Amino acid sequence: MTASNTTSRQARRRWAADCVQLDLTGSQFDHALTLLNTIRDRGASEDVLEDLTLAIGHLRQARRAVSDASRHLWPLTGEDSWHA
């Protein structure tokens, strides 16, 4: 095995680990969104409701960005199919 092959394999492993980390981060976003939605739906004051709604929107955007990053990085790992 050449040094180039070893380096390439190591890079693919790092990218796969990064994908897993991105997916874990995405799961944390999902959990936070669930909590915020629950708080909002239980009846918050108007000013809190507005803040929660804005926070939920921003978290959803961040969640999409994390998912997109994972999906774009995964093909670089050399695996046949996406992991999630």
Protein backbone atom coordinates (compact mmCIF):
# COMPACT_ATOMS: atom_id res chain seq x y z
CA MET A 1 0.00 0.00 0.00
CA THR A 2 1.41 3.37 -0.96
CA ALA A 3 1.58 6.42 1.27
CA SER A 4 -0.95 8.09 -1.01
CA ASN A 5 -3.45 5.27 -0.52
CA THR A 6 -2.95 5.37 3.24
CA THR A 7 -3.45 9.14 3.32
CA SER A 8 -6.55 8.84 1.16
CA ARG A 9 -8.01 6.13 3.39
CA GLN A 10 -7.30 8.21 6.49
CA ALA A 11 -9.02 11.22 4.93
CA ARG A 12 -12.09 9.13 4.07
CA ARG A 13 -12.24 7.86 7.65
CA ARG A 14 -12.03 11.41 8.99
CA TRP A 15 -14.83 12.49 6.63
CA ALA A 16 -16.97 9.56 7.78
CA ALA A 17 -16.35 10.53 11.41
CA ASP A 18 -17.23 14.13 10.55
CA CYS A 19 -20.49 12.92 8.99
CA VAL A 20 -21.35 11.05 12.18
CA GLN A 21 -20.60 14.18 14.22
CA LEU A 22 -22.79 16.27 11.91
CA ASP A 23 -25.61 13.75 12.32
CA LEU A 24 -25.26 13.85 16.11
CA THR A 25 -25.39 17.64 15.98
CA GLY A 26 -28.49 17.39 13.81
CA SER A 27 -30.11 15.12 16.39
CA GLN A 28 -29.38 17.68 19.08
CA PHE A 29 -31.04 20.33 16.91
CA ASP A 30 -34.07 18.06 16.54
CA HIS A 31 -34.28 17.63 20.31
CA ALA A 32 -34.00 21.39 20.90
CA LEU A 33 -36.69 22.01 18.28
CA THR A 34 -39.00 19.53 19.98
CA LEU A 35 -38.49 21.23 23.34
CA LEU A 36 -39.04 24.71 21.92
CA ASN A 37 -42.17 23.62 20.08
CA THR A 38 -43.52 22.05 23.28
CA ILE A 39 -42.87 25.22 25.27
CA ARG A 40 -44.44 27.36 22.56
CA ASP A 41 -47.48 25.10 22.24
CA ARG A 42 -48.14 25.07 25.98
CA GLY A 43 -48.97 28.75 25.83
CA ALA A 44 -46.37 31.40 26.28
CA SER A 45 -46.86 35.12 26.58
CA GLU A 46 -46.91 37.05 23.31
CA ASP A 47 -43.33 38.36 23.57
CA VAL A 48 -41.96 34.94 24.54
CA LEU A 49 -44.01 33.31 21.80
CA GLU A 50 -42.48 35.64 19.22
CA ASP A 51 -38.95 34.92 20.47
CA LEU A 52 -39.58 31.17 20.46
CA THR A 53 -40.98 31.28 16.94
CA LEU A 54 -37.89 33.15 15.72
CA ALA A 55 -35.57 30.73 17.53
CA ILE A 56 -37.38 27.75 16.01
CA GLY A 57 -36.98 29.22 12.53
CA HIS A 58 -33.26 29.79 13.04
CA LEU A 59 -32.77 26.29 14.46
CA ARG A 60 -34.58 24.78 11.48
CA GLN A 61 -32.26 26.65 9.10
CA ALA A 62 -29.22 25.46 11.04
CA ARG A 63 -30.54 21.90 11.04
CA ARG A 64 -30.96 21.97 7.27
CA ALA A 65 -27.42 23.32 6.85
CA VAL A 66 -25.99 20.55 9.05
CA SER A 67 -27.91 17.89 7.10
CA ASP A 68 -26.78 19.34 3.78
CA ALA A 69 -23.15 19.37 4.94
CA SER A 70 -23.36 15.74 5.97
CA ARG A 71 -24.98 14.68 2.69
CA HIS A 72 -22.35 16.53 0.65
CA LEU A 73 -19.44 15.18 2.67
CA TRP A 74 -20.58 11.54 2.73
CA PRO A 75 -19.80 10.76 -0.95
CA LEU A 76 -16.17 11.66 -0.26
CA THR A 77 -15.94 8.69 2.12
CA GLY A 78 -16.15 6.26 -0.77
CA GLU A 79 -19.14 4.40 0.67
CA ASP A 80 -21.83 3.20 -1.72
CA SER A 81 -24.81 4.79 -0.04
CA TRP A 82 -25.48 7.61 2.33
CA HIS A 83 -25.30 6.57 5.97
CA ALA A 84 -28.62 7.91 7.23
